[in-house]
C-alpha cells in the first residue's frame, strides 16, 4: 500500500500542473493596442502668463502703505486707516512680498527671452555645458528689456568667448 500513495501523488501533481499549463496558454490572446490620449503642445507666451500672474496677485501687486495724512478727515479720524498705518511689520512684509513678485515676473521675462534653444542656436552648446553657460552668463532684466535681437545675440557671443576661455575652471555646481 505504501508504494501506491507516492505514485498517486505524483500522478495527481502531474495532472494538476498539466491542466494549469493548458489553461494558462488558453488565456494568452492578442489584445488590441492601447489608444493614448492626444497631447497638444502650446507654445509658451510670456505676455499671457504675465497678465494671468498680475491678475492672480493683483491685490498684492497694487499694495501701497497708507500715508499718515490720509488718516485724518475734516472733522474725524478714520480708525481703520489709522490701524493699517500703524501695522509696521505687516506693511513691511507686504511690501517685501510685492518686490518678490516683481522680481519673479522679471525672472520669468528673462527666461522667456533667454531660452536654451536661443543659446544653442548662437553657441552650438548642449547638455551640461549649455546648462552651465546659461547659469553663469545670465543677462540682466534691464538689458533684455531694452535690447534688440541683434544685441542679445552679440552679448551671448561675447559671453561664449569668455566661457570658452574659462570652461575648465568653471565648477559644475554653483
C-alpha atoms as a PDB file:
ATOM      1  CA  UNK A   1       0.000   0.000   0.000  1.00  0.00           C
ATOM      2  CA  UNK A   2       2.826   2.357   0.738  1.00  0.00           C
ATOM      3  CA  UNK A   3       4.285   2.480  -2.826  1.00  0.00           C
ATOM      4  CA  UNK A   4       0.845   3.276  -4.253  1.00  0.00           C
ATOM      5  CA  UNK A   5       0.395   6.564  -2.312  1.00  0.00           C
ATOM      6  CA  UNK A   6       3.545   8.286  -3.631  1.00  0.00           C
ATOM      7  CA  UNK A   7       2.698   7.149  -7.132  1.00  0.00           C
ATOM      8  CA  UNK A   8      -0.826   8.582  -6.829  1.00  0.00           C
ATOM      9  CA  UNK A   9       0.550  11.879  -5.505  1.00  0.00           C
ATOM     10  CA  UNK A  10       2.979  12.143  -8.432  1.00  0.00           C
ATOM     11  CA  UNK A  11       0.205  11.376 -10.950  1.00  0.00           C
ATOM     12  CA  UNK A  12      -2.147  13.967  -9.348  1.00  0.00           C
ATOM     13  CA  UNK A  13       0.598  16.641  -9.314  1.00  0.00           C
ATOM     14  CA  UNK A  14       1.435  15.962 -12.952  1.00  0.00           C
ATOM     15  CA  UNK A  15      -2.234  16.157 -13.949  1.00  0.00           C
ATOM     16  CA  UNK A  16      -2.742  19.389 -12.000  1.00  0.00           C
ATOM     17  CA  UNK A  17       0.289  21.111 -13.500  1.00  0.00           C
ATOM     18  CA  UNK A  18      -0.631  19.911 -16.976  1.00  0.00           C
ATOM     19  CA  UNK A  19      -4.193  21.269 -16.693  1.00  0.00           C
ATOM     20  CA  UNK A  20      -2.879  24.538 -15.210  1.00  0.00           C
ATOM     21  CA  UNK A  21      -0.395  24.921 -18.058  1.00  0.00           C
ATOM     22  CA  UNK A  22      -3.113  24.267 -20.642  1.00  0.00           C
ATOM     23  CA  UNK A  23      -5.442  26.790 -19.004  1.00  0.00           C
ATOM     24  CA  UNK A  24      -2.632  29.350 -18.915  1.00  0.00           C
ATOM     25  CA  UNK A  25      -1.873  29.057 -22.630  1.00  0.00           C
ATOM     26  CA  UNK A  26      -5.556  29.383 -23.489  1.00  0.00           C
ATOM     27  CA  UNK A  27      -5.663  32.834 -21.808  1.00  0.00           C
ATOM     28  CA  UNK A  28      -2.900  34.325 -23.920  1.00  0.00           C
ATOM     29  CA  UNK A  29      -4.897  36.021 -26.634  1.00  0.00           C
ATOM     30  CA  UNK A  30      -3.859  39.025 -28.652  1.00  0.00           C
ATOM     31  CA  UNK A  31      -5.181  42.191 -27.014  1.00  0.00           C
ATOM     32  CA  UNK A  32      -5.913  45.292 -29.039  1.00  0.00           C
ATOM     33  CA  UNK A  33      -3.335  48.101 -28.735  1.00  0.00           C
ATOM     34  CA  UNK A  34      -3.906  50.782 -26.133  1.00  0.00           C
ATOM     35  CA  UNK A  35      -5.032  54.114 -27.560  1.00  0.00           C
ATOM     36  CA  UNK A  36      -3.236  57.049 -25.908  1.00  0.00           C
ATOM     37  CA  UNK A  37      -4.818  60.452 -25.474  1.00  0.00           C
ATOM     38  CA  UNK A  38      -3.735  63.193 -27.846  1.00  0.00           C
ATOM     39  CA  UNK A  39      -1.415  65.794 -26.330  1.00  0.00           C
ATOM     40  CA  UNK A  40      -1.440  69.333 -27.695  1.00  0.00           C
ATOM     41  CA  UNK A  41       1.747  71.298 -27.140  1.00  0.00           C
ATOM     42  CA  UNK A  42       1.145  75.007 -26.751  1.00  0.00           C
ATOM     43  CA  UNK A  43       3.959  77.479 -27.246  1.00  0.00           C
ATOM     44  CA  UNK A  44       4.846  79.472 -24.132  1.00  0.00           C
ATOM     45  CA  UNK A  45       3.505  83.013 -24.227  1.00  0.00           C
ATOM     46  CA  UNK A  46       5.084  85.271 -21.610  1.00  0.00           C
ATOM     47  CA  UNK A  47       2.608  88.129 -22.028  1.00  0.00           C
ATOM     48  CA  UNK A  48      -0.379  85.857 -21.476  1.00  0.00           C
ATOM     49  CA  UNK A  49       1.255  84.292 -18.416  1.00  0.00           C
ATOM     50  CA  UNK A  50       2.307  87.691 -17.103  1.00  0.00           C
ATOM     51  CA  UNK A  51      -1.254  89.014 -17.390  1.00  0.00           C
ATOM     52  CA  UNK A  52      -2.546  85.932 -15.558  1.00  0.00           C
ATOM     53  CA  UNK A  53       0.199  86.353 -12.920  1.00  0.00           C
ATOM     54  CA  UNK A  54      -0.718  90.013 -12.394  1.00  0.00           C
ATOM     55  CA  UNK A  55      -4.410  89.162 -12.238  1.00  0.00           C
ATOM     56  CA  UNK A  56      -3.829  86.412  -9.690  1.00  0.00           C
ATOM     57  CA  UNK A  57      -1.710  88.656  -7.457  1.00  0.00           C
ATOM     58  CA  UNK A  58      -3.467  91.941  -8.235  1.00  0.00           C
ATOM     59  CA  UNK A  59      -4.153  92.786  -4.596  1.00  0.00           C
ATOM     60  CA  UNK A  60      -0.531  92.213  -3.577  1.00  0.00           C
ATOM     61  CA  UNK A  61       0.904  93.970  -6.655  1.00  0.00           C
ATOM     62  CA  UNK A  62      -1.112  97.132  -6.033  1.00  0.00           C
ATOM     63  CA  UNK A  63      -0.408  97.296  -2.297  1.00  0.00           C
ATOM     64  CA  UNK A  64       0.544 100.723  -1.036  1.00  0.00           C
ATOM     65  CA  UNK A  65       1.092 101.581   2.594  1.00  0.00           C
ATOM     66  CA  UNK A  66      -1.432 104.198   3.740  1.00  0.00           C
ATOM     67  CA  UNK A  67       0.028 107.623   4.469  1.00  0.00           C
ATOM     68  CA  UNK A  68      -0.378 109.378   7.802  1.00  0.00           C
ATOM     69  CA  UNK A  69      -2.210 112.358   6.308  1.00  0.00           C
ATOM     70  CA  UNK A  70      -4.854 110.017   4.850  1.00  0.00           C
ATOM     71  CA  UNK A  71      -5.918 109.011   8.366  1.00  0.00           C
ATOM     72  CA  UNK A  72      -7.350 112.415   9.200  1.00  0.00           C
ATOM     73  CA  UNK A  73     -10.604 113.591   7.694  1.00  0.00           C
ATOM     74  CA  UNK A  74     -12.018 117.077   8.054  1.00  0.00           C
ATOM     75  CA  UNK A  75     -13.575 116.534  11.465  1.00  0.00           C
ATOM     76  CA  UNK A  76     -12.637 112.987  12.455  1.00  0.00           C
ATOM     77  CA  UNK A  77     -10.024 110.252  12.383  1.00  0.00           C
ATOM     78  CA  UNK A  78     -10.546 107.132  10.283  1.00  0.00           C
ATOM     79  CA  UNK A  79      -9.848 104.332  12.769  1.00  0.00           C
ATOM     80  CA  UNK A  80      -9.418 101.631  10.094  1.00  0.00           C
ATOM     81  CA  UNK A  81      -6.767 103.613   8.220  1.00  0.00           C
ATOM     82  CA  UNK A  82      -5.057 104.505  11.485  1.00  0.00           C
ATOM     83  CA  UNK A  83      -4.898 100.800  12.320  1.00  0.00           C
ATOM     84  CA  UNK A  84      -3.446  99.953   8.870  1.00  0.00           C
ATOM     85  CA  UNK A  85      -0.876 102.745   9.100  1.00  0.00           C
ATOM     86  CA  UNK A  86       0.410 101.541  12.469  1.00  0.00           C
ATOM     87  CA  UNK A  87       0.915  97.907  11.401  1.00  0.00           C
ATOM     88  CA  UNK A  88       4.585  98.398  10.586  1.00  0.00           C
ATOM     89  CA  UNK A  89       5.643  94.729  10.499  1.00  0.00           C
ATOM     90  CA  UNK A  90       2.695  93.663   8.373  1.00  0.00           C
ATOM     91  CA  UNK A  91       3.190  96.558   5.942  1.00  0.00           C
ATOM     92  CA  UNK A  92       6.895  95.753   5.663  1.00  0.00           C
ATOM     93  CA  UNK A  93       6.121  92.099   4.861  1.00  0.00           C
ATOM     94  CA  UNK A  94       3.548  93.101   2.245  1.00  0.00           C
ATOM     95  CA  UNK A  95       5.996  95.468   0.573  1.00  0.00           C
ATOM     96  CA  UNK A  96       8.709  92.757   0.589  1.00  0.00           C
ATOM     97  CA  UNK A  97       6.239  90.295  -0.952  1.00  0.00           C
ATOM     98  CA  UNK A  98       5.336  92.826  -3.645  1.00  0.00           C
ATOM     99  CA  UNK A  99       9.030  93.255  -4.518  1.00  0.00           C
ATOM    100  CA  UNK A 100       9.460  89.473  -4.579  1.00  0.00           C
ATOM    101  CA  UNK A 101       6.539  89.173  -7.028  1.00  0.00           C
ATOM    102  CA  UNK A 102       8.018  91.872  -9.261  1.00  0.00           C
ATOM    103  CA  UNK A 103      11.398  90.094  -9.217  1.00  0.00           C
ATOM    104  CA  UNK A 104       9.690  86.813 -10.111  1.00  0.00           C
ATOM    105  CA  UNK A 105       7.938  88.488 -13.043  1.00  0.00           C
ATOM    106  CA  UNK A 106      11.251  89.909 -14.268  1.00  0.00           C
ATOM    107  CA  UNK A 107      12.866  86.476 -13.964  1.00  0.00           C
ATOM    108  CA  UNK A 108      10.023  84.946 -15.979  1.00  0.00           C
ATOM    109  CA  UNK A 109      10.563  87.583 -18.689  1.00  0.00           C
ATOM    110  CA  UNK A 110      14.291  86.860 -18.885  1.00  0.00           C
ATOM    111  CA  UNK A 111      13.512  83.112 -19.064  1.00  0.00           C
ATOM    112  CA  UNK A 112      11.092  83.719 -21.934  1.00  0.00           C
ATOM    113  CA  UNK A 113      13.738  85.560 -23.996  1.00  0.00           C
ATOM    114  CA  UNK A 114      16.980  83.851 -22.904  1.00  0.00           C
ATOM    115  CA  UNK A 115      15.992  80.285 -23.771  1.00  0.00           C
ATOM    116  CA  UNK A 116      18.159  77.180 -24.235  1.00  0.00           C
ATOM    117  CA  UNK A 117      17.130  76.984 -27.896  1.00  0.00           C
ATOM    118  CA  UNK A 118      18.331  80.567 -28.496  1.00  0.00           C
ATOM    119  CA  UNK A 119      21.660  79.944 -26.761  1.00  0.00           C
ATOM    120  CA  UNK A 120      22.086  76.642 -28.628  1.00  0.00           C
ATOM    121  CA  UNK A 121      21.380  78.402 -31.924  1.00  0.00           C
ATOM    122  CA  UNK A 122      24.090  81.007 -31.256  1.00  0.00           C
ATOM    123  CA  UNK A 123      26.745  78.905 -29.472  1.00  0.00           C
ATOM    124  CA  UNK A 124      26.006  75.283 -30.516  1.00  0.00           C
ATOM    125  CA  UNK A 125      26.316  74.204 -26.867  1.00  0.00           C
ATOM    126  CA  UNK A 126      24.152  71.414 -25.495  1.00  0.00           C
ATOM    127  CA  UNK A 127      23.742  69.275 -22.392  1.00  0.00           C
ATOM    128  CA  UNK A 128      25.641  70.189 -19.237  1.00  0.00           C
ATOM    129  CA  UNK A 129      27.797  72.800 -20.937  1.00  0.00           C
ATOM    130  CA  UNK A 130      24.644  74.633 -22.116  1.00  0.00           C
ATOM    131  CA  UNK A 131      23.179  74.479 -18.609  1.00  0.00           C
ATOM    132  CA  UNK A 132      26.414  75.792 -17.075  1.00  0.00           C
ATOM    133  CA  UNK A 133      26.712  78.553 -19.660  1.00  0.00           C
ATOM    134  CA  UNK A 134      23.140  79.711 -19.076  1.00  0.00           C
ATOM    135  CA  UNK A 135      23.601  79.540 -15.323  1.00  0.00           C
ATOM    136  CA  UNK A 136      26.816  81.584 -15.124  1.00  0.00           C
ATOM    137  CA  UNK A 137      26.246  84.011 -18.010  1.00  0.00           C
ATOM    138  CA  UNK A 138      22.696  85.170 -17.468  1.00  0.00           C
ATOM    139  CA  UNK A 139      21.826  88.674 -18.745  1.00  0.00           C
ATOM    140  CA  UNK A 140      20.074  91.209 -16.532  1.00  0.00           C
ATOM    141  CA  UNK A 141      16.411  92.137 -16.919  1.00  0.00           C
ATOM    142  CA  UNK A 142      17.218  95.751 -17.794  1.00  0.00           C
ATOM    143  CA  UNK A 143      19.482  94.619 -20.656  1.00  0.00           C
ATOM    144  CA  UNK A 144      16.949  92.110 -22.041  1.00  0.00           C
ATOM    145  CA  UNK A 145      14.134  94.637 -21.803  1.00  0.00           C
ATOM    146  CA  UNK A 146      15.937  97.322 -23.816  1.00  0.00           C
ATOM    147  CA  UNK A 147      17.992  95.152 -26.204  1.00  0.00           C
ATOM    148  CA  UNK A 148      17.182  94.180 -29.755  1.00  0.00           C
ATOM    149  CA  UNK A 149      17.623  90.620 -31.028  1.00  0.00           C
ATOM    150  CA  UNK A 150      20.987  91.559 -32.508  1.00  0.00           C
ATOM    151  CA  UNK A 151      22.173  92.979 -29.160  1.00  0.00           C
ATOM    152  CA  UNK A 152      21.150  89.764 -27.389  1.00  0.00           C
ATOM    153  CA  UNK A 153      22.985  87.619 -29.976  1.00  0.00           C
ATOM    154  CA  UNK A 154      26.120  89.790 -29.662  1.00  0.00           C
ATOM    155  CA  UNK A 155      26.002  89.572 -25.857  1.00  0.00           C
ATOM    156  CA  UNK A 156      25.638  85.776 -25.988  1.00  0.00           C
ATOM    157  CA  UNK A 157      28.629  85.560 -28.362  1.00  0.00           C
ATOM    158  CA  UNK A 158      30.689  87.762 -26.017  1.00  0.00           C
ATOM    159  CA  UNK A 159      29.711  85.597 -23.038  1.00  0.00           C
ATOM    160  CA  UNK A 160      30.511  82.474 -25.098  1.00  0.00           C
ATOM    161  CA  UNK A 161      34.059  83.741 -25.745  1.00  0.00           C
ATOM    162  CA  UNK A 162      34.574  84.220 -22.010  1.00  0.00           C
ATOM    163  CA  UNK A 163      33.027  80.805 -21.322  1.00  0.00           C
ATOM    164  CA  UNK A 164      35.403  79.040 -23.726  1.00  0.00           C
ATOM    165  CA  UNK A 165      38.416  80.669 -22.043  1.00  0.00           C
ATOM    166  CA  UNK A 166      37.283  79.669 -18.541  1.00  0.00           C
ATOM    167  CA  UNK A 167      35.451  76.433 -19.315  1.00  0.00           C
ATOM    168  CA  UNK A 168      37.825  74.227 -17.335  1.00  0.00           C
ATOM    169  CA  UNK A 169      37.825  76.476 -14.270  1.00  0.00           C
ATOM    170  CA  UNK A 170      34.008  76.775 -14.011  1.00  0.00           C
ATOM    171  CA  UNK A 171      32.725  74.415 -11.280  1.00  0.00           C
ATOM    172  CA  UNK A 172      29.845  72.119 -12.186  1.00  0.00           C
ATOM    173  CA  UNK A 173      27.681  73.243  -9.248  1.00  0.00           C
ATOM    174  CA  UNK A 174      27.265  76.868  -8.103  1.00  0.00           C
END
